[in-house]
Amino acid sequence: MADRDNVNQLAREHAIEIWMAGLKAVQADTLVQRWVRATQDRLEFGDPTELTLDLGSVRKIVVVGAGKAGSGMVAGLEKVIPEQVARDKQLTGWVNVPKDCVQPTRWIHLHGARPAGCNEPTPEAVYGTEQILELVQDAEPSDLCICLLSGGGSALLPAPIAGITLEDKQAVTRFLSAAGANITELNTVRKQLSRIKGGGLLRYCRAGWLVSLIISDVLGDPLDVIASGPTVPDTSTPEDALETLNKYGGREAGLPQEIFRVLERKMVNRGERVGPQCQFFNFVIGNNRTAVDAAAARARELGYQVEAESAREPEGFAEDIGRELAKTALQMVASPDPRCRISGGEPVVRLAPPEIRGLGGRNQQLVLAAAEFLWETMPPEVVILSAGTDGEDGPTDAAGAFVDRAVIEQAKELGFSPSDFVSRNDAYHFFEPLGSLLRTGPTHTNVCDVRIVLTHPCQPPQGAH
């Protein structure tokens, strides 16, 4: 029994350590400092350098943006820019972030635009977005605007178009999320109902240069989808938005009719959009692949044979992916060698009706589905972990969860039925009393999810660290 307990404990420790290595690689301040270099007379962007700007021709530096990584990105940028440059160039700015991500800053204001765990537009976010639009509109051709974007930016940048209220935006966000729409579909609709999304910030900007630093939370890094593409010319159409709403039965579900009327008017009255007034550059400085690669490197250091992949397209339902990972674990454990499979992605969850719905998130739901599959066959040499790199998994205080043989045995002792918790989206209340939630707090970054399947844990090779 003691040996089995030791195996369980070592597997847990290694899985968490490998996951944390992936998280460390996408810390927002580190990524910004890697991509931006400043001297008294120039700014360089890129790793290696892709853009150099002569500060002698810049009157003012204005920083705007939004996202769960906004606080870390601001911290990194303020470290990069020398104090004298900040003073000479009147460094200022406004970035919308979740309220629990607000930290002290020197030059760039962080605005708490929504409560923690509430990933939808709020009145505070509308106010902050208006401040951002005012800043970029007031810029002059000799100014440089730097835009910091990351996952969660869509909900943190609401600026409804005429005829649409904040309540309408909230309703459509809640409806599509509950129906299982993926991030591309959700943002296709949000862009058509916004003044800032879908290239809106780019059109409003009057600075001479707009340089966007982007931490991608969308698989495949489509620039027009990340944070709903505020600095990228929009390729979606009102027809695309209506098609998405019809796909999920938005009319039948009772979404506000004004949403459909506005989109239909846009189809009929499609005018010439004003093009960008500035030179613009978009750089993806970190993504899910960055985290997966770093996690894989740590797993190899610990002595595991590693397979690693990062999804490039929207994924299916969390329950299906959880069951597939469980099957993979059974295949892996058949080999006596220490093995680790690392995958990155972002599945969706079809929510249960509100009257029976519990508490959880996509990562917890995924791990619970894996536990259900392995309920009677879970080997002691296996651990499965899935967590969101933003530290938020649904409206909970956990990033995700893990399961191993000890967790399942404890759940059985408590009389838990995994299928009951799965059907009610109540994974949080399954894992919380078992001590198998992964809690990180706000991570100030966001590059989707990282998942670990680990078998036959081994002591690390001599000299590994």
Protein backbone atom coordinates (compact mmCIF):
# COMPACT_ATOMS: atom_id res chain seq x y z
CA MET A 1 0.00 0.00 0.00
CA ALA A 2 2.82 2.38 0.89
CA ASP A 3 4.51 1.79 -2.47
CA ARG A 4 1.28 2.47 -4.31
CA ASP A 5 0.73 5.66 -2.32
CA ASN A 6 4.25 6.78 -3.17
CA VAL A 7 3.62 6.13 -6.86
CA ASN A 8 0.41 8.16 -6.70
CA GLN A 9 2.11 11.04 -4.92
CA LEU A 10 5.09 11.13 -7.28
CA ALA A 11 2.82 11.06 -10.32
CA ARG A 12 0.79 13.98 -8.96
CA GLU A 13 3.90 16.00 -8.18
CA HIS A 14 5.38 15.42 -11.62
CA ALA A 15 2.12 16.21 -13.45
CA ILE A 16 1.75 19.50 -11.59
CA GLU A 17 5.44 20.36 -12.05
CA ILE A 18 5.23 19.71 -15.80
CA TRP A 19 2.05 21.79 -16.08
CA MET A 20 3.59 24.64 -14.10
CA ALA A 21 6.62 24.66 -16.42
CA GLY A 22 4.24 25.33 -19.30
CA LEU A 23 2.60 28.15 -17.36
CA LYS A 24 5.94 29.73 -16.48
CA ALA A 25 6.91 29.92 -20.16
CA VAL A 26 3.88 32.10 -20.99
CA GLN A 27 4.06 34.58 -18.14
CA ALA A 28 2.92 37.82 -19.72
CA ASP A 29 5.63 40.09 -18.33
CA THR A 30 8.33 37.70 -19.51
CA LEU A 31 6.87 37.47 -23.00
CA VAL A 32 6.64 41.26 -23.36
CA GLN A 33 10.21 41.76 -22.15
CA ARG A 34 11.37 39.17 -24.68
CA TRP A 35 9.56 40.91 -27.55
CA VAL A 36 10.16 44.58 -26.76
CA ARG A 37 13.54 46.29 -26.35
CA ALA A 38 14.01 49.99 -25.72
CA THR A 39 16.88 52.47 -25.65
CA GLN A 40 16.79 56.23 -25.32
CA ASP A 41 16.35 56.62 -29.07
CA ARG A 42 14.54 53.56 -30.44
CA LEU A 43 12.02 50.79 -29.78
CA GLU A 44 12.47 47.30 -31.21
CA PHE A 45 9.70 44.75 -31.52
CA GLY A 46 10.13 41.06 -32.29
CA ASP A 47 12.14 38.01 -31.28
CA PRO A 48 14.29 38.44 -33.34
CA THR A 49 13.62 42.08 -34.29
CA GLU A 50 10.84 42.57 -36.84
CA LEU A 51 10.16 46.29 -36.38
CA THR A 52 12.31 49.22 -35.24
CA LEU A 53 10.84 52.66 -34.51
CA ASP A 54 12.92 55.82 -34.13
CA LEU A 55 11.74 57.50 -30.92
CA GLY A 56 12.98 60.83 -32.22
CA SER A 57 9.91 60.96 -34.46
CA VAL A 58 7.49 59.96 -31.69
CA ARG A 59 5.74 62.67 -29.67
CA LYS A 60 3.79 60.48 -27.25
CA ILE A 61 3.38 56.77 -26.40
CA VAL A 62 -0.19 55.69 -25.68
CA VAL A 63 -0.89 52.16 -24.41
CA VAL A 64 -4.34 50.56 -24.56
CA GLY A 65 -5.68 47.05 -24.43
CA ALA A 66 -7.64 44.38 -22.61
CA GLY A 67 -7.38 40.80 -21.44
CA LYS A 68 -6.66 38.48 -18.57
CA ALA A 69 -2.94 38.91 -19.22
CA GLY A 70 -3.20 42.71 -19.29
CA SER A 71 -1.71 43.26 -15.85
CA GLY A 72 1.38 41.19 -16.59
CA MET A 73 1.78 42.73 -20.03
CA VAL A 74 1.65 46.24 -18.56
CA ALA A 75 4.19 45.27 -15.91
CA GLY A 76 6.53 43.92 -18.57
CA LEU A 77 6.18 46.99 -20.78
CA GLU A 78 6.78 49.41 -17.90
CA LYS A 79 9.99 47.50 -17.08
CA VAL A 80 11.17 47.67 -20.70
CA ILE A 81 10.69 51.39 -21.31
CA PRO A 82 13.38 53.50 -19.62
CA GLU A 83 12.07 56.10 -17.17
CA GLN A 84 13.48 59.01 -19.15
CA VAL A 85 11.78 57.74 -22.31
CA ALA A 86 8.51 57.36 -20.39
CA ARG A 87 8.77 60.97 -19.23
CA ASP A 88 9.93 62.43 -22.54
CA LYS A 89 7.26 60.57 -24.53
CA GLN A 90 4.45 61.22 -22.01
CA LEU A 91 3.83 57.49 -21.57
CA THR A 92 0.20 56.95 -20.62
CA GLY A 93 -2.52 54.40 -21.18
CA TRP A 94 -5.59 52.44 -20.14
CA VAL A 95 -5.98 48.63 -20.10
CA ASN A 96 -9.14 46.75 -19.08
CA VAL A 97 -8.52 43.67 -16.89
CA PRO A 98 -10.52 41.49 -14.46
CA LYS A 99 -10.83 43.17 -11.07
CA ASP A 100 -8.67 40.56 -9.31
CA CYS A 101 -5.86 41.32 -11.76
CA VAL A 102 -5.54 45.01 -10.90
CA GLN A 103 -2.06 45.80 -9.54
CA PRO A 104 -0.17 49.03 -8.84
CA THR A 105 1.34 50.60 -11.98
CA ARG A 106 3.31 53.75 -12.65
CA TRP A 107 2.29 55.05 -16.06
CA ILE A 108 -0.47 52.87 -17.51
CA HIS A 109 -3.84 52.64 -15.76
CA LEU A 110 -5.29 49.18 -15.09
CA HIS A 111 -9.08 49.27 -14.97
CA GLY A 112 -11.04 46.55 -13.19
CA ALA A 113 -13.69 45.87 -15.81
CA ARG A 114 -15.40 42.76 -14.50
CA PRO A 115 -15.51 40.58 -11.36
CA ALA A 116 -13.39 37.44 -11.18
CA GLY A 117 -15.08 34.41 -12.74
CA CYS A 118 -17.61 36.53 -14.66
CA ASN A 119 -16.47 36.36 -18.27
CA GLU A 120 -19.11 38.61 -19.79
CA PRO A 121 -19.47 42.35 -20.53
CA THR A 122 -20.30 44.70 -17.65
CA PRO A 123 -21.08 48.44 -17.27
CA GLU A 124 -17.55 48.91 -15.89
CA ALA A 125 -16.13 47.35 -19.03
CA VAL A 126 -18.24 49.63 -21.25
CA TYR A 127 -16.90 52.65 -19.36
CA GLY A 128 -13.32 51.45 -19.71
CA THR A 129 -13.77 50.79 -23.42
CA GLU A 130 -15.03 54.33 -23.96
CA GLN A 131 -11.85 55.62 -22.28
CA ILE A 132 -9.75 53.51 -24.64
CA LEU A 133 -11.59 54.76 -27.72
CA GLU A 134 -11.18 58.33 -26.53
CA LEU A 135 -7.42 57.85 -26.05
CA VAL A 136 -6.82 56.46 -29.54
CA GLN A 137 -9.09 59.05 -31.16
CA ASP A 138 -7.21 61.89 -29.44
CA ALA A 139 -3.83 60.59 -30.63
CA GLU A 140 -1.90 62.50 -33.28
CA PRO A 141 0.00 61.27 -36.36
CA SER A 142 3.30 61.67 -34.49
CA ASP A 143 2.12 59.37 -31.67
CA LEU A 144 2.78 55.67 -31.14
CA CYS A 145 -0.07 53.50 -29.85
CA ILE A 146 0.80 50.13 -28.33
CA CYS A 147 -2.14 47.75 -27.88
CA LEU A 148 -1.86 44.85 -25.41
CA LEU A 149 -4.34 42.07 -26.16
CA SER A 150 -4.93 38.69 -24.58
CA GLY A 151 -7.61 36.13 -23.90
CA GLY A 152 -10.75 37.46 -22.25
CA GLY A 153 -10.39 40.68 -24.22
CA SER A 154 -13.73 40.23 -25.94
CA ALA A 155 -15.75 40.46 -22.73
CA LEU A 156 -13.50 43.23 -21.42
CA LEU A 157 -13.97 45.43 -24.53
CA PRO A 158 -17.72 45.97 -24.97
CA ALA A 159 -18.84 48.93 -27.07
CA PRO A 160 -22.29 48.03 -28.41
CA ILE A 161 -23.29 49.53 -31.75
CA ALA A 162 -26.36 51.76 -32.02
CA GLY A 163 -29.53 49.82 -31.33
CA ILE A 164 -27.86 47.21 -29.13
CA THR A 165 -27.77 47.46 -25.34
CA LEU A 166 -25.31 45.96 -22.90
CA GLU A 167 -28.08 43.63 -21.77
CA ASP A 168 -28.48 42.42 -25.37
CA LYS A 169 -24.75 41.69 -25.53
CA GLN A 170 -24.90 39.82 -22.22
CA ALA A 171 -27.86 37.76 -23.41
CA VAL A 172 -26.19 36.67 -26.64
CA THR A 173 -22.91 35.86 -24.86
CA ARG A 174 -24.69 33.72 -22.26
CA PHE A 175 -26.82 31.99 -24.85
CA LEU A 176 -24.00 31.02 -27.20
CA SER A 177 -21.71 29.93 -24.35
CA ALA A 178 -24.41 27.71 -22.85
CA ALA A 179 -25.27 26.25 -26.28
CA GLY A 180 -21.68 25.04 -26.77
CA ALA A 181 -20.56 27.57 -29.39
CA ASN A 182 -16.80 27.70 -29.83
CA ILE A 183 -14.76 30.89 -29.46
CA THR A 184 -14.69 31.55 -33.23
CA GLU A 185 -18.48 31.40 -33.47
CA LEU A 186 -18.96 33.51 -30.35
CA ASN A 187 -16.59 36.21 -31.54
CA THR A 188 -18.10 36.25 -35.04
CA VAL A 189 -21.35 37.43 -33.48
CA ARG A 190 -19.74 39.81 -30.99
CA LYS A 191 -17.72 41.56 -33.72
CA GLN A 192 -20.85 42.43 -35.67
CA LEU A 193 -22.51 43.97 -32.62
CA SER A 194 -19.55 46.11 -31.54
CA ARG A 195 -17.90 49.45 -32.40
CA ILE A 196 -14.44 48.33 -31.23
CA LYS A 197 -14.24 44.66 -32.18
CA GLY A 198 -13.62 43.49 -35.73
CA GLY A 199 -11.05 46.18 -36.46
CA GLY A 200 -12.96 48.97 -34.73
CA LEU A 201 -10.05 50.12 -32.57
CA LEU A 202 -7.83 50.20 -35.67
CA ARG A 203 -10.35 52.42 -37.49
CA TYR A 204 -10.69 54.79 -34.51
CA CYS A 205 -6.93 55.11 -33.95
CA ARG A 206 -5.39 58.39 -35.13
CA ALA A 207 -1.82 57.65 -34.06
CA GLY A 208 0.83 57.30 -36.74
CA TRP A 209 1.69 53.77 -35.64
CA LEU A 210 -0.38 51.06 -33.92
CA VAL A 211 1.68 48.12 -32.67
CA SER A 212 -0.30 45.26 -31.09
CA LEU A 213 1.31 42.66 -28.83
CA ILE A 214 -0.97 39.64 -28.61
CA ILE A 215 -1.01 36.63 -26.29
CA SER A 216 -3.23 34.19 -28.12
CA ASP A 217 -5.96 32.20 -26.40
CA VAL A 218 -7.40 30.97 -29.70
CA LEU A 219 -6.17 27.79 -31.33
CA GLY A 220 -4.29 28.47 -34.55
CA ASP A 221 -3.80 32.14 -33.58
CA PRO A 222 -6.34 33.75 -35.97
CA LEU A 223 -5.73 37.47 -35.41
CA ASP A 224 -9.31 38.41 -36.26
CA VAL A 225 -10.66 36.13 -33.52
CA ILE A 226 -8.31 36.79 -30.58
CA ALA A 227 -10.13 39.33 -28.35
CA SER A 228 -12.48 39.63 -31.37
CA GLY A 229 -9.77 41.27 -33.49
CA PRO A 230 -9.97 44.96 -32.52
CA THR A 231 -6.75 45.80 -34.40
CA VAL A 232 -7.31 43.59 -37.46
CA PRO A 233 -9.50 44.33 -40.51
CA ASP A 234 -12.61 42.19 -40.13
CA THR A 235 -13.29 39.37 -42.56
CA SER A 236 -16.59 38.26 -41.02
CA THR A 237 -19.99 39.53 -42.13
CA PRO A 238 -23.45 40.10 -40.66
CA GLU A 239 -24.52 37.00 -42.59
CA ASP A 240 -21.91 34.95 -40.71
CA ALA A 241 -23.25 36.21 -37.39
CA LEU A 242 -26.85 35.39 -38.31
CA GLU A 243 -25.82 31.95 -39.51
CA THR A 244 -24.20 31.26 -36.14
CA LEU A 245 -27.24 32.45 -34.20
CA ASN A 246 -29.56 30.38 -36.39
CA LYS A 247 -27.33 27.32 -36.03
CA TYR A 248 -27.95 27.32 -32.27
CA GLY A 249 -31.61 28.36 -32.46
CA GLY A 250 -31.23 31.89 -31.17
CA ARG A 251 -34.65 33.09 -32.36
CA GLU A 252 -36.44 30.11 -30.89
CA ALA A 253 -34.56 30.55 -27.61
CA GLY A 254 -35.95 34.06 -27.24
CA LEU A 255 -32.86 36.19 -27.82
CA PRO A 256 -33.75 39.90 -28.09
CA GLN A 257 -35.22 40.53 -31.51
CA GLU A 258 -33.26 43.77 -31.87
CA ILE A 259 -30.10 41.67 -32.29
CA PHE A 260 -31.55 40.09 -35.43
CA ARG A 261 -32.97 43.38 -36.71
CA VAL A 262 -29.63 45.15 -36.35
CA LEU A 263 -27.77 42.37 -38.16
CA GLU A 264 -30.36 42.31 -40.95
CA ARG A 265 -30.09 46.10 -41.36
CA LYS A 266 -26.31 45.78 -41.57
CA MET A 267 -26.74 43.26 -44.38
CA VAL A 268 -28.94 45.65 -46.36
CA ASN A 269 -27.07 48.88 -45.56
CA ARG A 270 -23.55 47.65 -45.97
CA GLY A 271 -21.61 50.86 -46.61
CA GLU A 272 -17.96 51.54 -47.26
CA ARG A 273 -16.01 51.24 -44.02
CA VAL A 274 -13.36 53.80 -43.25
CA GLY A 275 -9.96 52.17 -43.63
CA PRO A 276 -7.09 52.38 -41.12
CA GLN A 277 -5.52 55.81 -40.74
CA CYS A 278 -2.23 54.52 -39.31
CA GLN A 279 0.50 52.01 -39.98
CA PHE A 280 -0.40 48.89 -38.00
CA PHE A 281 1.53 45.80 -36.92
CA ASN A 282 0.27 42.73 -35.05
CA PHE A 283 2.65 40.38 -33.22
CA VAL A 284 1.64 37.13 -31.49
CA ILE A 285 4.13 36.95 -28.64
CA GLY A 286 2.88 33.77 -26.93
CA ASN A 287 0.37 30.98 -27.51
CA ASN A 288 -0.68 27.50 -26.47
CA ARG A 289 2.21 25.95 -28.39
CA THR A 290 4.65 27.97 -26.28
CA ALA A 291 3.25 26.45 -23.08
CA VAL A 292 3.02 22.90 -24.46
CA ASP A 293 6.62 22.96 -25.70
CA ALA A 294 7.91 24.18 -22.33
CA ALA A 295 5.92 21.53 -20.47
CA ALA A 296 7.30 18.87 -22.82
CA ALA A 297 10.85 20.05 -22.18
CA ARG A 298 10.38 19.71 -18.42
CA ALA A 299 8.86 16.24 -18.79
CA ARG A 300 11.91 15.11 -20.76
CA GLU A 301 14.18 16.52 -18.06
CA LEU A 302 12.29 14.38 -15.55
CA GLY A 303 12.97 11.27 -17.64
CA TYR A 304 9.69 10.73 -19.48
CA GLN A 305 9.14 9.67 -23.07
CA VAL A 306 7.03 12.57 -24.33
CA GLU A 307 4.36 13.09 -26.94
CA ALA A 308 3.13 16.66 -27.26
CA GLU A 309 0.66 18.45 -29.47
CA SER A 310 -1.24 21.72 -29.50
CA ALA A 311 -4.60 21.80 -31.25
CA ARG A 312 -4.80 24.20 -34.18
CA GLU A 313 -8.57 24.26 -34.57
CA PRO A 314 -11.57 24.53 -32.23
CA GLU A 315 -12.10 21.36 -30.21
CA GLY A 316 -15.21 19.36 -29.43
CA PHE A 317 -16.90 18.67 -26.11
CA ALA A 318 -14.86 18.38 -22.93
CA GLU A 319 -16.47 15.07 -22.01
CA ASP A 320 -15.41 13.45 -25.28
CA ILE A 321 -11.83 14.69 -24.93
CA GLY A 322 -11.70 13.48 -21.33
CA ARG A 323 -12.75 9.99 -22.37
CA GLU A 324 -10.17 9.97 -25.17
CA LEU A 325 -7.44 10.93 -22.72
CA ALA A 326 -8.57 8.10 -20.44
CA LYS A 327 -8.25 5.61 -23.31
CA THR A 328 -4.82 7.04 -24.10
CA ALA A 329 -3.77 6.54 -20.48
CA LEU A 330 -4.70 2.84 -20.62
CA GLN A 331 -2.66 2.42 -23.80
CA MET A 332 0.32 4.26 -22.32
CA VAL A 333 0.37 2.31 -19.06
CA ALA A 334 0.71 -0.96 -20.98
CA SER A 335 4.33 0.04 -21.57
CA PRO A 336 6.59 -0.14 -18.48
CA ASP A 337 8.44 3.02 -19.50
CA PRO A 338 7.71 6.41 -17.92
CA ARG A 339 5.56 8.20 -20.47
CA CYS A 340 3.91 11.60 -20.65
CA ARG A 341 1.40 12.93 -23.15
CA ILE A 342 0.91 16.69 -23.20
CA SER A 343 -1.85 18.33 -25.19
CA GLY A 344 -3.15 21.84 -25.50
CA GLY A 345 -6.54 23.07 -26.59
CA GLU A 346 -9.86 24.49 -25.50
CA PRO A 347 -12.95 22.25 -25.52
CA VAL A 348 -16.50 23.41 -25.01
CA VAL A 349 -19.16 22.34 -22.53
CA ARG A 350 -22.86 21.97 -23.24
CA LEU A 351 -24.47 23.29 -20.07
CA ALA A 352 -27.19 21.49 -18.17
CA PRO A 353 -30.48 23.35 -17.53
CA PRO A 354 -30.05 26.09 -14.89
CA GLU A 355 -32.39 24.39 -12.43
CA ILE A 356 -30.05 21.37 -12.06
CA ARG A 357 -26.72 22.91 -13.03
CA GLY A 358 -23.91 22.73 -10.51
CA LEU A 359 -20.52 24.41 -10.51
CA GLY A 360 -17.49 23.72 -12.66
CA GLY A 361 -15.54 24.54 -15.78
CA ARG A 362 -14.42 22.82 -18.96
CA ASN A 363 -11.19 21.45 -17.48
CA GLN A 364 -12.90 20.04 -14.40
CA GLN A 365 -15.63 18.56 -16.60
CA LEU A 366 -12.99 16.98 -18.85
CA VAL A 367 -11.14 15.35 -15.94
CA LEU A 368 -14.40 14.18 -14.40
CA ALA A 369 -15.38 12.48 -17.67
CA ALA A 370 -11.98 10.74 -17.64
CA ALA A 371 -12.58 9.63 -14.05
CA GLU A 372 -16.00 8.27 -15.00
CA PHE A 373 -14.45 6.25 -17.83
CA LEU A 374 -11.71 4.85 -15.55
CA TRP A 375 -13.94 4.39 -12.51
CA GLU A 376 -13.30 0.64 -12.24
CA THR A 377 -10.02 0.36 -14.17
CA MET A 378 -7.82 3.26 -13.03
CA PRO A 379 -4.22 1.99 -12.68
CA PRO A 380 -2.21 3.36 -9.72
CA GLU A 381 0.56 4.47 -12.09
CA VAL A 382 -1.60 7.03 -13.93
CA VAL A 383 -2.55 10.67 -13.37
CA ILE A 384 -4.62 12.89 -15.66
CA LEU A 385 -4.58 16.68 -15.20
CA SER A 386 -6.24 19.49 -17.14
CA ALA A 387 -6.19 23.18 -16.27
CA GLY A 388 -6.60 26.61 -17.82
CA THR A 389 -3.48 28.74 -18.04
CA ASP A 390 -5.45 31.81 -16.95
CA GLY A 391 -6.12 30.27 -13.54
CA GLU A 392 -9.88 30.42 -14.15
CA ASP A 393 -12.00 27.42 -15.04
CA GLY A 394 -15.58 28.49 -15.42
CA PRO A 395 -17.04 30.57 -12.57
CA THR A 396 -14.79 28.88 -9.99
CA ASP A 397 -11.63 29.60 -8.01
CA ALA A 398 -9.81 26.65 -9.59
CA ALA A 399 -7.74 26.43 -12.76
CA GLY A 400 -8.67 22.78 -13.27
CA ALA A 401 -8.38 19.38 -11.64
CA PHE A 402 -6.51 16.07 -11.63
CA VAL A 403 -7.51 12.48 -11.06
CA ASP A 404 -5.60 9.35 -10.06
CA ARG A 405 -6.36 6.06 -8.33
CA ALA A 406 -6.37 7.61 -4.85
CA VAL A 407 -8.89 10.27 -5.91
CA ILE A 408 -11.26 7.66 -7.33
CA GLU A 409 -10.98 5.44 -4.24
CA GLN A 410 -11.74 8.39 -1.98
CA ALA A 411 -14.71 9.35 -4.16
CA LYS A 412 -16.07 5.82 -3.86
CA GLU A 413 -15.74 5.98 -0.08
CA LEU A 414 -17.85 9.14 -0.12
CA GLY A 415 -20.47 7.41 -2.27
CA PHE A 416 -20.01 9.72 -5.25
CA SER A 417 -21.47 8.83 -8.63
CA PRO A 418 -19.38 10.49 -11.37
CA SER A 419 -22.13 10.26 -13.99
CA ASP A 420 -24.44 12.30 -11.75
CA PHE A 421 -21.86 15.07 -11.37
CA VAL A 422 -21.04 15.00 -15.12
CA SER A 423 -24.69 15.34 -16.13
CA ARG A 424 -25.15 18.36 -13.85
CA ASN A 425 -21.87 20.13 -14.76
CA ASP A 426 -20.98 19.88 -11.08
CA ALA A 427 -17.34 18.80 -11.31
CA TYR A 428 -16.20 21.39 -8.77
CA HIS A 429 -18.25 19.81 -5.98
CA PHE A 430 -16.92 16.39 -6.99
CA PHE A 431 -13.25 17.32 -6.82
CA GLU A 432 -13.27 19.95 -4.06
CA PRO A 433 -13.79 17.55 -1.11
CA LEU A 434 -11.22 15.18 -2.65
CA GLY A 435 -8.47 17.82 -2.64
CA SER A 436 -7.86 17.38 -6.37
CA LEU A 437 -8.60 20.86 -7.67
CA LEU A 438 -5.63 22.78 -9.05
CA ARG A 439 -5.73 26.33 -7.70
CA THR A 440 -3.25 28.92 -8.95
CA GLY A 441 -5.07 32.21 -8.48
CA PRO A 442 -4.88 34.77 -11.30
CA THR A 443 -1.90 33.92 -13.51
CA HIS A 444 -1.92 37.15 -15.55
CA THR A 445 -1.70 35.18 -18.78
CA ASN A 446 -4.05 33.12 -20.95
CA VAL A 447 -3.14 30.64 -23.70
CA CYS A 448 -6.03 28.13 -23.47
CA ASP A 449 -5.61 24.85 -21.57
CA VAL A 450 -2.77 22.39 -21.03
CA ARG A 451 -3.47 18.73 -20.26
CA ILE A 452 -1.12 16.10 -18.85
CA VAL A 453 -1.43 12.30 -18.99
CA LEU A 454 1.41 10.68 -17.08
CA THR A 455 2.21 6.99 -16.49
CA HIS A 456 4.86 5.09 -14.50
CA PRO A 457 6.39 8.09 -12.70
CA CYS A 458 10.11 7.88 -12.33
CA GLN A 459 12.79 9.53 -10.25
CA PRO A 460 14.46 12.29 -12.31
CA PRO A 461 17.87 11.53 -13.81
CA GLN A 462 20.91 12.64 -11.83
CA GLY A 463 21.64 16.29 -12.48
CA ALA A 464 18.18 17.15 -13.77
CA HIS A 465 16.71 20.30 -12.34
